Amino acid sequence: MVAINSRTAIFGGTFDPIHRGHLHLITEIVKRNLFEKVIIIPSGKPLLKPTSPKADAASRLEMVRIALLELPLEIQDKLEICSFEVERSESSYAIDSVIHLKSERDASFTWILGSDAAANLTKWHRFEELQELVDFLVVLRPDAKFVLIPGAHVTSIEIDALALSSTEVRNSLISGKEVASAVPVSVLKYIERNGLYASA
C-alpha cells in the first residue's frame, strides 16, 4: 500500500528490451532512498522516438516484469510496474500517465529521465501542464551537462551509467553476438523463446 503523500518516482521507457543498464539505474535510485516507491512504466507508442519499438508492447511489459524479479528483494519491495501506457490504443504521453497515477493515489511524483531526454523535455506533450503535476530528476553521466528549464522543478543526480543501449542489444541479437552480459538471463530466454528481434 502506498503511503499518503509518499514521494514516488516514475521511470518510463520503451525497454526494447530492458537491459542491465536500466536495472543499474533503478537499483541506484532505490539505494539512495530518495523515494518510497519507484513506478516503472513501459511506453506504449512513444511519440519522440524516431522509430517504433521493435517488440510489441505486451512483450516489453513482460520483459520488464521478468527482469525486475532478478533484483534483490529489498530493491523489488520499492518497485511497481504500471501497464497503463501499453494497454492504451492511443499514443503514449507522459501527461496521461501522470494524471492516471494521481487519480489512484495521494503522492508527490517525480519523473526520472536521462540527460538526452531532458534536452527535449519542453517538447513533451502538454509540457506546461505536466510541469505543474510532477518534478523532474535528471540522471547525469559524470561528463554530462545539465541545463535548467525555466519554470520547471528540475534537479539532477549523477550516476555512473553502464555503457549499454537497447539499440546495441538488438543489433547484437540480430547479428548473433553474445548479450548475456547486457541482458538478464531470464529476459534473454524470453527473447529467444518468443523469437523477438530476429530481424531489424
N, C-alpha and C. Protein backbone atom coordinates (compact mmCIF):
# COMPACT_ATOMS: atom_id res chain seq x y z
N MET A 1 0.84 -1.20 0.00
CA MET A 1 0.00 0.00 0.00
C MET A 1 0.87 1.24 0.00
N VAL A 2 0.53 2.22 -0.85
CA VAL A 2 1.32 3.44 -0.97
C VAL A 2 0.98 4.40 0.15
N ALA A 3 2.00 4.95 0.78
CA ALA A 3 1.79 5.87 1.89
C ALA A 3 1.15 7.17 1.40
N ILE A 4 0.39 7.80 2.28
CA ILE A 4 -0.22 9.07 1.94
C ILE A 4 0.88 10.11 1.74
N ASN A 5 0.74 10.91 0.63
CA ASN A 5 1.74 11.92 0.29
C ASN A 5 3.15 11.33 0.18
N SER A 6 3.25 10.11 -0.28
CA SER A 6 4.56 9.48 -0.42
C SER A 6 5.32 10.09 -1.58
N ARG A 7 6.62 10.05 -1.47
CA ARG A 7 7.48 10.50 -2.57
C ARG A 7 7.61 9.34 -3.55
N THR A 8 7.08 9.52 -4.73
CA THR A 8 7.01 8.45 -5.70
C THR A 8 7.70 8.87 -6.99
N ALA A 9 8.59 8.02 -7.47
CA ALA A 9 9.29 8.28 -8.73
C ALA A 9 8.64 7.52 -9.86
N ILE A 10 8.70 8.09 -11.05
CA ILE A 10 8.21 7.44 -12.26
C ILE A 10 9.39 7.30 -13.22
N PHE A 11 9.63 6.07 -13.66
CA PHE A 11 10.70 5.82 -14.62
C PHE A 11 10.09 5.17 -15.85
N GLY A 12 9.96 5.94 -16.92
CA GLY A 12 9.36 5.43 -18.14
C GLY A 12 10.39 5.12 -19.20
N GLY A 13 10.01 4.29 -20.15
CA GLY A 13 10.92 3.96 -21.24
C GLY A 13 10.30 2.91 -22.15
N THR A 14 10.88 2.75 -23.32
CA THR A 14 10.38 1.71 -24.23
C THR A 14 10.82 0.33 -23.76
N PHE A 15 12.02 0.24 -23.12
CA PHE A 15 12.54 -1.04 -22.63
C PHE A 15 12.46 -2.10 -23.74
N ASP A 16 13.18 -1.81 -24.84
CA ASP A 16 13.06 -2.61 -26.06
C ASP A 16 14.40 -3.20 -26.51
N PRO A 17 15.00 -4.10 -25.71
CA PRO A 17 14.50 -4.66 -24.45
C PRO A 17 15.09 -3.95 -23.23
N ILE A 18 14.56 -4.27 -22.06
CA ILE A 18 15.17 -3.83 -20.81
C ILE A 18 16.53 -4.51 -20.68
N HIS A 19 17.52 -3.77 -20.16
CA HIS A 19 18.87 -4.34 -20.04
C HIS A 19 19.48 -3.97 -18.68
N ARG A 20 20.70 -4.43 -18.46
CA ARG A 20 21.33 -4.24 -17.15
C ARG A 20 21.60 -2.76 -16.85
N GLY A 21 21.70 -1.93 -17.87
CA GLY A 21 21.85 -0.50 -17.64
C GLY A 21 20.61 0.09 -16.97
N HIS A 22 19.44 -0.33 -17.44
CA HIS A 22 18.19 0.10 -16.80
C HIS A 22 18.14 -0.37 -15.35
N LEU A 23 18.48 -1.64 -15.14
CA LEU A 23 18.41 -2.22 -13.81
C LEU A 23 19.40 -1.55 -12.86
N HIS A 24 20.57 -1.19 -13.38
CA HIS A 24 21.57 -0.49 -12.58
C HIS A 24 21.03 0.86 -12.12
N LEU A 25 20.42 1.60 -13.03
CA LEU A 25 19.86 2.91 -12.69
C LEU A 25 18.76 2.78 -11.65
N ILE A 26 17.85 1.83 -11.88
CA ILE A 26 16.75 1.61 -10.93
C ILE A 26 17.29 1.27 -9.55
N THR A 27 18.28 0.38 -9.51
CA THR A 27 18.88 -0.04 -8.24
C THR A 27 19.52 1.14 -7.52
N GLU A 28 20.25 1.97 -8.25
CA GLU A 28 20.93 3.11 -7.64
C GLU A 28 19.92 4.13 -7.09
N ILE A 29 18.85 4.35 -7.83
CA ILE A 29 17.81 5.28 -7.36
C ILE A 29 17.21 4.78 -6.04
N VAL A 30 16.92 3.49 -5.98
CA VAL A 30 16.33 2.91 -4.76
C VAL A 30 17.32 2.98 -3.61
N LYS A 31 18.58 2.63 -3.87
CA LYS A 31 19.60 2.61 -2.82
C LYS A 31 19.82 3.98 -2.18
N ARG A 32 19.61 5.02 -2.94
CA ARG A 32 19.82 6.36 -2.42
C ARG A 32 18.65 6.86 -1.58
N ASN A 33 17.61 6.03 -1.49
CA ASN A 33 16.49 6.29 -0.58
C ASN A 33 15.84 7.66 -0.81
N LEU A 34 15.70 8.00 -2.08
CA LEU A 34 15.08 9.29 -2.41
C LEU A 34 13.55 9.19 -2.46
N PHE A 35 13.04 7.97 -2.66
CA PHE A 35 11.60 7.77 -2.87
C PHE A 35 11.11 6.55 -2.11
N GLU A 36 9.84 6.61 -1.70
CA GLU A 36 9.22 5.44 -1.08
C GLU A 36 8.91 4.36 -2.13
N LYS A 37 8.63 4.80 -3.34
CA LYS A 37 8.24 3.88 -4.40
C LYS A 37 8.78 4.38 -5.74
N VAL A 38 9.19 3.42 -6.60
CA VAL A 38 9.60 3.75 -7.96
C VAL A 38 8.68 2.97 -8.91
N ILE A 39 7.93 3.69 -9.73
CA ILE A 39 7.00 3.07 -10.66
C ILE A 39 7.64 3.00 -12.04
N ILE A 40 7.71 1.79 -12.59
CA ILE A 40 8.28 1.57 -13.91
C ILE A 40 7.13 1.54 -14.92
N ILE A 41 7.21 2.39 -15.96
CA ILE A 41 6.14 2.47 -16.96
C ILE A 41 6.70 2.19 -18.35
N PRO A 42 6.52 0.98 -18.87
CA PRO A 42 6.88 0.75 -20.28
C PRO A 42 5.95 1.56 -21.18
N SER A 43 6.53 2.25 -22.15
CA SER A 43 5.72 3.10 -23.01
C SER A 43 4.94 2.29 -24.04
N GLY A 44 3.84 2.86 -24.46
CA GLY A 44 3.02 2.20 -25.48
C GLY A 44 3.48 2.57 -26.87
N LYS A 45 3.10 3.78 -27.31
CA LYS A 45 3.50 4.29 -28.63
C LYS A 45 4.23 5.62 -28.41
N PRO A 46 5.53 5.57 -28.12
CA PRO A 46 6.26 6.80 -27.82
C PRO A 46 6.35 7.73 -29.02
N LEU A 47 6.07 9.02 -28.80
CA LEU A 47 5.99 9.99 -29.90
C LEU A 47 7.33 10.58 -30.28
N LEU A 48 8.25 10.71 -29.33
CA LEU A 48 9.51 11.38 -29.62
C LEU A 48 10.62 10.43 -30.05
N LYS A 49 10.31 9.16 -30.18
CA LYS A 49 11.27 8.20 -30.69
C LYS A 49 11.26 8.24 -32.22
N PRO A 50 12.45 8.17 -32.87
CA PRO A 50 12.48 8.22 -34.34
C PRO A 50 11.85 6.99 -34.99
N THR A 51 11.87 5.86 -34.30
CA THR A 51 11.25 4.64 -34.83
C THR A 51 10.38 4.00 -33.77
N SER A 52 9.43 3.18 -34.21
CA SER A 52 8.56 2.48 -33.28
C SER A 52 9.32 1.35 -32.60
N PRO A 53 8.90 0.93 -31.40
CA PRO A 53 9.54 -0.21 -30.74
C PRO A 53 9.49 -1.45 -31.62
N LYS A 54 10.55 -2.26 -31.56
CA LYS A 54 10.62 -3.48 -32.38
C LYS A 54 9.77 -4.59 -31.79
N ALA A 55 9.76 -4.70 -30.46
CA ALA A 55 8.94 -5.72 -29.80
C ALA A 55 7.57 -5.13 -29.47
N ASP A 56 6.54 -5.97 -29.46
CA ASP A 56 5.20 -5.49 -29.14
C ASP A 56 5.13 -5.08 -27.67
N ALA A 57 4.14 -4.29 -27.36
CA ALA A 57 4.01 -3.72 -26.01
C ALA A 57 3.89 -4.79 -24.93
N ALA A 58 3.11 -5.84 -25.20
CA ALA A 58 2.91 -6.90 -24.20
C ALA A 58 4.23 -7.60 -23.90
N SER A 59 5.06 -7.82 -24.91
CA SER A 59 6.35 -8.48 -24.71
C SER A 59 7.30 -7.59 -23.92
N ARG A 60 7.30 -6.30 -24.22
CA ARG A 60 8.18 -5.38 -23.48
C ARG A 60 7.76 -5.29 -22.02
N LEU A 61 6.46 -5.29 -21.77
CA LEU A 61 5.96 -5.28 -20.40
C LEU A 61 6.39 -6.54 -19.66
N GLU A 62 6.27 -7.69 -20.31
CA GLU A 62 6.64 -8.95 -19.69
C GLU A 62 8.14 -9.02 -19.42
N MET A 63 8.95 -8.50 -20.34
CA MET A 63 10.40 -8.50 -20.12
C MET A 63 10.78 -7.64 -18.92
N VAL A 64 10.07 -6.52 -18.73
CA VAL A 64 10.31 -5.69 -17.55
C VAL A 64 9.97 -6.48 -16.28
N ARG A 65 8.83 -7.12 -16.30
CA ARG A 65 8.40 -7.91 -15.13
C ARG A 65 9.44 -8.98 -14.79
N ILE A 66 9.90 -9.70 -15.80
CA ILE A 66 10.88 -10.77 -15.61
C ILE A 66 12.20 -10.21 -15.08
N ALA A 67 12.65 -9.11 -15.67
CA ALA A 67 13.94 -8.53 -15.28
C ALA A 67 13.95 -8.06 -13.84
N LEU A 68 12.87 -7.42 -13.41
CA LEU A 68 12.82 -6.90 -12.04
C LEU A 68 12.87 -8.01 -11.00
N LEU A 69 12.42 -9.19 -11.38
CA LEU A 69 12.46 -10.33 -10.45
C LEU A 69 13.89 -10.78 -10.15
N GLU A 70 14.84 -10.35 -10.95
CA GLU A 70 16.24 -10.72 -10.73
C GLU A 70 16.93 -9.78 -9.75
N LEU A 71 16.28 -8.70 -9.38
CA LEU A 71 16.86 -7.76 -8.43
C LEU A 71 16.68 -8.27 -7.01
N PRO A 72 17.52 -7.84 -6.08
CA PRO A 72 17.37 -8.25 -4.67
C PRO A 72 15.99 -7.87 -4.14
N LEU A 73 15.48 -8.65 -3.21
CA LEU A 73 14.14 -8.42 -2.68
C LEU A 73 13.98 -7.03 -2.06
N GLU A 74 15.04 -6.53 -1.44
CA GLU A 74 14.93 -5.21 -0.81
C GLU A 74 14.79 -4.10 -1.86
N ILE A 75 15.25 -4.36 -3.07
CA ILE A 75 15.04 -3.42 -4.18
C ILE A 75 13.64 -3.63 -4.75
N GLN A 76 13.27 -4.87 -4.98
CA GLN A 76 11.95 -5.19 -5.54
C GLN A 76 10.83 -4.60 -4.70
N ASP A 77 11.01 -4.60 -3.38
CA ASP A 77 9.96 -4.10 -2.48
C ASP A 77 9.61 -2.64 -2.74
N LYS A 78 10.53 -1.89 -3.34
CA LYS A 78 10.30 -0.46 -3.60
C LYS A 78 9.78 -0.21 -5.02
N LEU A 79 9.61 -1.28 -5.80
CA LEU A 79 9.26 -1.13 -7.21
C LEU A 79 7.82 -1.53 -7.50
N GLU A 80 7.29 -0.93 -8.55
CA GLU A 80 5.95 -1.25 -9.02
C GLU A 80 5.93 -1.07 -10.53
N ILE A 81 5.24 -1.93 -11.24
CA ILE A 81 5.11 -1.80 -12.69
C ILE A 81 3.71 -1.28 -13.01
N CYS A 82 3.65 -0.28 -13.88
CA CYS A 82 2.37 0.26 -14.33
C CYS A 82 2.20 -0.06 -15.81
N SER A 83 1.11 -0.73 -16.14
CA SER A 83 0.85 -1.14 -17.52
C SER A 83 -0.08 -0.18 -18.26
N PHE A 84 -0.32 0.97 -17.67
CA PHE A 84 -1.30 1.92 -18.22
C PHE A 84 -1.02 2.26 -19.69
N GLU A 85 0.23 2.58 -20.01
CA GLU A 85 0.53 3.03 -21.37
C GLU A 85 0.43 1.91 -22.39
N VAL A 86 0.89 0.71 -22.05
CA VAL A 86 0.87 -0.37 -23.03
C VAL A 86 -0.54 -0.88 -23.28
N GLU A 87 -1.45 -0.62 -22.36
CA GLU A 87 -2.84 -1.06 -22.52
C GLU A 87 -3.68 -0.05 -23.31
N ARG A 88 -3.11 1.11 -23.58
CA ARG A 88 -3.84 2.13 -24.33
C ARG A 88 -3.68 1.90 -25.83
N SER A 89 -4.71 2.18 -26.58
CA SER A 89 -4.61 2.11 -28.04
C SER A 89 -4.13 3.44 -28.61
N GLU A 90 -4.24 4.50 -27.81
CA GLU A 90 -3.80 5.82 -28.26
C GLU A 90 -2.29 5.98 -28.11
N SER A 91 -1.79 7.08 -28.63
CA SER A 91 -0.37 7.41 -28.50
C SER A 91 0.00 7.58 -27.03
N SER A 92 1.28 7.44 -26.74
CA SER A 92 1.77 7.40 -25.37
C SER A 92 2.30 8.76 -24.94
N TYR A 93 1.64 9.37 -23.95
CA TYR A 93 2.07 10.66 -23.43
C TYR A 93 2.28 10.57 -21.92
N ALA A 94 3.36 11.21 -21.46
CA ALA A 94 3.66 11.21 -20.03
C ALA A 94 2.53 11.86 -19.23
N ILE A 95 1.95 12.92 -19.76
CA ILE A 95 0.90 13.64 -19.04
C ILE A 95 -0.28 12.74 -18.71
N ASP A 96 -0.64 11.85 -19.63
CA ASP A 96 -1.76 10.95 -19.38
C ASP A 96 -1.43 9.95 -18.27
N SER A 97 -0.18 9.47 -18.27
CA SER A 97 0.23 8.53 -17.22
C SER A 97 0.22 9.19 -15.85
N VAL A 98 0.68 10.42 -15.79
CA VAL A 98 0.71 11.14 -14.51
C VAL A 98 -0.70 11.39 -14.00
N ILE A 99 -1.59 11.84 -14.87
CA ILE A 99 -2.98 12.06 -14.45
C ILE A 99 -3.60 10.76 -13.97
N HIS A 100 -3.32 9.66 -14.66
CA HIS A 100 -3.83 8.35 -14.25
C HIS A 100 -3.31 7.97 -12.86
N LEU A 101 -2.02 8.13 -12.63
CA LEU A 101 -1.44 7.77 -11.34
C LEU A 101 -1.97 8.65 -10.22
N LYS A 102 -2.15 9.93 -10.51
CA LYS A 102 -2.66 10.84 -9.49
C LYS A 102 -4.11 10.52 -9.12
N SER A 103 -4.83 9.91 -10.05
CA SER A 103 -6.21 9.53 -9.75
C SER A 103 -6.27 8.31 -8.85
N GLU A 104 -5.16 7.57 -8.76
CA GLU A 104 -5.11 6.33 -7.99
C GLU A 104 -4.57 6.51 -6.58
N ARG A 105 -3.73 7.53 -6.37
CA ARG A 105 -3.03 7.63 -5.09
C ARG A 105 -2.71 9.07 -4.75
N ASP A 106 -2.52 9.30 -3.47
CA ASP A 106 -2.12 10.61 -2.96
C ASP A 106 -0.61 10.59 -2.78
N ALA A 107 0.10 11.09 -3.76
CA ALA A 107 1.56 11.04 -3.71
C ALA A 107 2.14 12.24 -4.46
N SER A 108 3.35 12.61 -4.10
CA SER A 108 4.07 13.62 -4.88
C SER A 108 4.97 12.87 -5.86
N PHE A 109 4.90 13.23 -7.13
CA PHE A 109 5.57 12.47 -8.18
C PHE A 109 6.78 13.20 -8.75
N THR A 110 7.79 12.40 -9.04
CA THR A 110 9.00 12.89 -9.72
C THR A 110 9.27 11.99 -10.92
N TRP A 111 9.39 12.60 -12.09
CA TRP A 111 9.66 11.84 -13.31
C TRP A 111 11.18 11.76 -13.50
N ILE A 112 11.70 10.53 -13.60
CA ILE A 112 13.13 10.32 -13.79
C ILE A 112 13.43 10.20 -15.28
N LEU A 113 14.44 10.92 -15.72
CA LEU A 113 14.82 10.83 -17.13
C LEU A 113 16.31 11.09 -17.29
N GLY A 114 16.87 10.64 -18.40
CA GLY A 114 18.27 10.86 -18.69
C GLY A 114 18.51 12.23 -19.29
N SER A 115 19.77 12.61 -19.39
CA SER A 115 20.09 13.94 -19.89
C SER A 115 19.70 14.11 -21.35
N ASP A 116 19.76 13.03 -22.14
CA ASP A 116 19.36 13.13 -23.55
C ASP A 116 17.87 13.45 -23.66
N ALA A 117 17.05 12.74 -22.88
CA ALA A 117 15.61 13.00 -22.88
C ALA A 117 15.30 14.38 -22.32
N ALA A 118 16.08 14.81 -21.34
CA ALA A 118 15.86 16.13 -20.72
C ALA A 118 16.05 17.26 -21.73
N ALA A 119 16.91 17.03 -22.71
CA ALA A 119 17.16 18.05 -23.73
C ALA A 119 15.90 18.35 -24.55
N ASN A 120 14.99 17.37 -24.62
CA ASN A 120 13.75 17.53 -25.38
C ASN A 120 12.52 17.71 -24.47
N LEU A 121 12.76 17.94 -23.18
CA LEU A 121 11.66 17.93 -22.22
C LEU A 121 10.59 18.95 -22.55
N THR A 122 10.97 20.12 -22.99
CA THR A 122 9.98 21.16 -23.28
C THR A 122 9.13 20.82 -24.51
N LYS A 123 9.53 19.80 -25.27
CA LYS A 123 8.76 19.36 -26.44
C LYS A 123 7.72 18.30 -26.08
N TRP A 124 7.76 17.84 -24.81
CA TRP A 124 6.80 16.81 -24.40
C TRP A 124 5.38 17.37 -24.49
N HIS A 125 4.46 16.48 -24.79
CA HIS A 125 3.06 16.84 -24.96
C HIS A 125 2.51 17.51 -23.70
N ARG A 126 1.91 18.68 -23.87
CA ARG A 126 1.31 19.45 -22.77
C ARG A 126 2.32 19.65 -21.63
N PHE A 127 3.54 20.04 -22.00
CA PHE A 127 4.60 20.18 -21.01
C PHE A 127 4.27 21.19 -19.93
N GLU A 128 3.64 22.30 -20.31
CA GLU A 128 3.32 23.33 -19.32
C GLU A 128 2.43 22.77 -18.22
N GLU A 129 1.49 21.92 -18.60
CA GLU A 129 0.61 21.29 -17.61
C GLU A 129 1.35 20.21 -16.83
N LEU A 130 2.19 19.47 -17.54
CA LEU A 130 2.94 18.39 -16.90
C LEU A 130 3.85 18.90 -15.79
N GLN A 131 4.51 20.03 -16.03
CA GLN A 131 5.46 20.55 -15.04
C GLN A 131 4.76 21.05 -13.78
N GLU A 132 3.45 21.25 -13.87
CA GLU A 132 2.69 21.63 -12.67
C GLU A 132 2.31 20.41 -11.84
N LEU A 133 2.40 19.22 -12.44
CA LEU A 133 1.97 17.99 -11.77
C LEU A 133 3.12 17.17 -11.20
N VAL A 134 4.30 17.29 -11.79
CA VAL A 134 5.44 16.48 -11.35
C VAL A 134 6.70 17.33 -11.27
N ASP A 135 7.64 16.85 -10.46
CA ASP A 135 9.01 17.34 -10.51
C ASP A 135 9.78 16.45 -11.48
N PHE A 136 10.99 16.86 -11.83
CA PHE A 136 11.82 16.06 -12.72
C PHE A 136 13.19 15.83 -12.08
N LEU A 137 13.66 14.62 -12.22
CA LEU A 137 15.01 14.27 -11.75
C LEU A 137 15.79 13.78 -12.96
N VAL A 138 16.83 14.53 -13.32
CA VAL A 138 17.64 14.19 -14.48
C VAL A 138 18.86 13.41 -14.03
N VAL A 139 19.03 12.22 -14.57
CA VAL A 139 20.18 11.38 -14.24
C VAL A 139 21.31 11.73 -15.20
N LEU A 140 22.40 12.22 -14.63
CA LEU A 140 23.53 12.67 -15.43
C LEU A 140 24.68 11.68 -15.38
N ARG A 141 25.31 11.50 -16.52
CA ARG A 141 26.61 10.85 -16.52
C ARG A 141 27.61 11.87 -15.97
N PRO A 142 28.73 11.40 -15.39
CA PRO A 142 29.69 12.35 -14.79
C PRO A 142 30.15 13.46 -15.73
N ASP A 143 30.16 13.21 -17.06
CA ASP A 143 30.65 14.21 -18.00
C ASP A 143 29.52 15.00 -18.68
N ALA A 144 28.28 14.72 -18.28
CA ALA A 144 27.14 15.34 -18.96
C ALA A 144 26.88 16.74 -18.42
N LYS A 145 26.32 17.59 -19.28
CA LYS A 145 25.96 18.94 -18.88
C LYS A 145 24.47 18.99 -18.56
N PHE A 146 24.11 19.87 -17.63
CA PHE A 146 22.72 20.00 -17.19
C PHE A 146 22.25 21.42 -17.43
N VAL A 147 21.16 21.54 -18.17
CA VAL A 147 20.61 22.86 -18.49
C VAL A 147 19.30 23.04 -17.73
N LEU A 148 19.21 24.11 -16.98
CA LEU A 148 17.99 24.39 -16.23
C LEU A 148 16.85 24.75 -17.18
N ILE A 149 15.64 24.35 -16.81
CA ILE A 149 14.46 24.66 -17.61
C ILE A 149 13.60 25.64 -16.82
N PRO A 150 13.46 26.86 -17.32
CA PRO A 150 12.69 27.89 -16.59
C PRO A 150 11.27 27.43 -16.27
N GLY A 151 10.88 27.59 -15.01
CA GLY A 151 9.53 27.27 -14.60
C GLY A 151 9.31 25.85 -14.15
N ALA A 152 10.23 24.95 -14.48
CA ALA A 152 10.07 23.54 -14.11
C ALA A 152 10.86 23.23 -12.84
N HIS A 153 10.35 22.30 -12.06
CA HIS A 153 11.06 21.86 -10.85
C HIS A 153 11.98 20.71 -11.25
N VAL A 154 13.23 21.05 -11.59
CA VAL A 154 14.17 20.07 -12.12
C VAL A 154 15.41 20.02 -11.23
N THR A 155 15.76 18.82 -10.80
CA THR A 155 17.02 18.60 -10.09
C THR A 155 17.79 17.53 -10.84
N SER A 156 19.04 17.35 -10.48
CA SER A 156 19.86 16.36 -11.16
C SER A 156 20.60 15.49 -10.16
N ILE A 157 21.02 14.34 -10.63
CA ILE A 157 21.78 13.41 -9.81
C ILE A 157 22.77 12.69 -10.72
N GLU A 158 23.97 12.47 -10.21
CA GLU A 158 24.98 11.77 -11.00
C GLU A 158 24.98 10.29 -10.68
N ILE A 159 24.92 9.48 -11.70
CA ILE A 159 25.01 8.03 -11.56
C ILE A 159 25.92 7.52 -12.67
N ASP A 160 26.89 6.72 -12.30
CA ASP A 160 27.78 6.12 -13.29
C ASP A 160 27.00 5.09 -14.08
N ALA A 161 26.46 5.51 -15.21
CA ALA A 161 25.62 4.62 -16.02
C ALA A 161 26.47 3.58 -16.73
N LEU A 162 25.90 2.40 -16.93
CA LEU A 162 26.56 1.37 -17.71
C LEU A 162 26.46 1.74 -19.18
N ALA A 163 27.51 1.46 -19.92
CA ALA A 163 27.56 1.81 -21.34
C ALA A 163 26.76 0.80 -22.16
N LEU A 164 25.44 0.90 -22.03
CA LEU A 164 24.55 -0.02 -22.74
C LEU A 164 23.40 0.76 -23.35
N SER A 165 22.88 0.24 -24.45
CA SER A 165 21.67 0.80 -25.03
C SER A 165 20.85 -0.34 -25.61
N SER A 166 19.54 -0.15 -25.65
CA SER A 166 18.66 -1.18 -26.21
C SER A 166 18.96 -1.41 -27.70
N THR A 167 19.33 -0.34 -28.39
CA THR A 167 19.67 -0.47 -29.81
C THR A 167 20.86 -1.40 -29.99
N GLU A 168 21.89 -1.23 -29.17
CA GLU A 168 23.07 -2.09 -29.25
C GLU A 168 22.72 -3.54 -28.94
N VAL A 169 21.86 -3.73 -27.95
CA VAL A 169 21.44 -5.09 -27.59
C VAL A 169 20.70 -5.73 -28.76
N ARG A 170 19.78 -5.00 -29.37
CA ARG A 170 19.03 -5.55 -30.51
C ARG A 170 19.96 -5.89 -31.66
N ASN A 171 20.89 -5.00 -31.96
CA ASN A 171 21.82 -5.25 -33.06
C ASN A 171 22.68 -6.47 -32.80
N SER A 172 23.09 -6.66 -31.55
CA SER A 172 23.88 -7.83 -31.19
C SER A 172 23.07 -9.11 -31.35
N LEU A 173 21.80 -9.07 -30.95
CA LEU A 173 20.93 -10.22 -31.10
C LEU A 173 20.74 -10.58 -32.57
N ILE A 174 20.55 -9.56 -33.41
CA ILE A 174 20.33 -9.78 -34.83
C ILE A 174 21.57 -10.41 -35.48
N SER A 175 22.76 -9.95 -35.06
CA SER A 175 24.00 -10.45 -35.65
C SER A 175 24.54 -11.69 -34.97
N GLY A 176 23.82 -12.17 -33.94
CA GLY A 176 24.22 -13.40 -33.27
C GLY A 176 25.33 -13.24 -32.26
N LYS A 177 25.59 -12.01 -31.81
CA LYS A 177 26.63 -11.78 -30.82
C LYS A 177 26.11 -12.09 -29.41
N GLU A 178 27.05 -12.31 -28.51
CA GLU A 178 26.71 -12.64 -27.12
C GLU A 178 26.18 -11.41 -26.40
N VAL A 179 25.05 -11.55 -25.68
CA VAL A 179 24.46 -10.43 -24.96
C VAL A 179 24.18 -10.76 -23.50
N ALA A 180 24.67 -11.90 -23.02
CA ALA A 180 24.38 -12.32 -21.65
C ALA A 180 24.89 -11.32 -20.62
N SER A 181 25.95 -10.58 -20.97
CA SER A 181 26.49 -9.60 -20.02
C SER A 181 25.64 -8.33 -19.99
N ALA A 182 24.79 -8.15 -21.00
CA ALA A 182 23.99 -6.94 -21.10
C ALA A 182 22.54 -7.13 -20.69
N VAL A 183 22.04 -8.37 -20.80
CA VAL A 183 20.62 -8.65 -20.57
C VAL A 183 20.51 -9.79 -19.55
N PRO A 184 19.62 -9.66 -18.57
CA PRO A 184 19.42 -10.76 -17.62
C PRO A 184 19.09 -12.06 -18.34
N VAL A 185 19.58 -13.16 -17.80
CA VAL A 185 19.40 -14.47 -18.44
C VAL A 185 17.93 -14.78 -18.68
N SER A 186 17.08 -14.46 -17.71
CA SER A 186 15.65 -14.75 -17.84
C SER A 186 15.03 -13.97 -19.00
N VAL A 187 15.49 -12.73 -19.21
CA VAL A 187 14.99 -11.92 -20.32
C VAL A 187 15.49 -12.48 -21.64
N LEU A 188 16.75 -12.88 -21.67
CA LEU A 188 17.31 -13.46 -22.89
C LEU A 188 16.55 -14.73 -23.29
N LYS A 189 16.22 -15.55 -22.32
CA LYS A 189 15.45 -16.77 -22.60
C LYS A 189 14.08 -16.42 -23.17
N TYR A 190 13.45 -15.38 -22.62
CA TYR A 190 12.14 -14.95 -23.12
C TYR A 190 12.26 -14.48 -24.57
N ILE A 191 13.29 -13.71 -24.85
CA ILE A 191 13.52 -13.21 -26.21
C ILE A 191 13.68 -14.37 -27.19
N GLU A 192 14.50 -15.35 -26.80
CA GLU A 192 14.76 -16.49 -27.68
C GLU A 192 13.51 -17.35 -27.85
N ARG A 193 12.78 -17.54 -26.77
CA ARG A 193 11.59 -18.39 -26.80
C ARG A 193 10.49 -17.78 -27.68
N ASN A 194 10.44 -16.46 -27.73
CA ASN A 194 9.39 -15.79 -28.48
C ASN A 194 9.87 -15.23 -29.83
N GLY A 195 11.11 -15.51 -30.17
CA GLY A 195 11.62 -15.08 -31.47
C GLY A 195 11.66 -13.57 -31.66
N LEU A 196 11.93 -12.83 -30.60
CA LEU A 196 11.98 -11.38 -30.71
C LEU A 196 13.32 -10.91 -31.31
N TYR A 197 13.29 -9.81 -31.99
CA TYR A 197 14.47 -9.18 -32.58
C TYR A 197 15.19 -10.11 -33.57
N ALA A 198 14.44 -10.97 -34.21
CA ALA A 198 15.04 -11.89 -35.18
C ALA A 198 15.45 -11.15 -36.44
N SER A 199 14.82 -9.98 -36.68
CA SER A 199 15.18 -9.19 -37.86
C SER A 199 15.02 -7.72 -37.52
N ALA A 200 15.71 -6.90 -38.26
CA ALA A 200 15.67 -5.45 -37.99
C ALA A 200 14.34 -4.85 -38.41
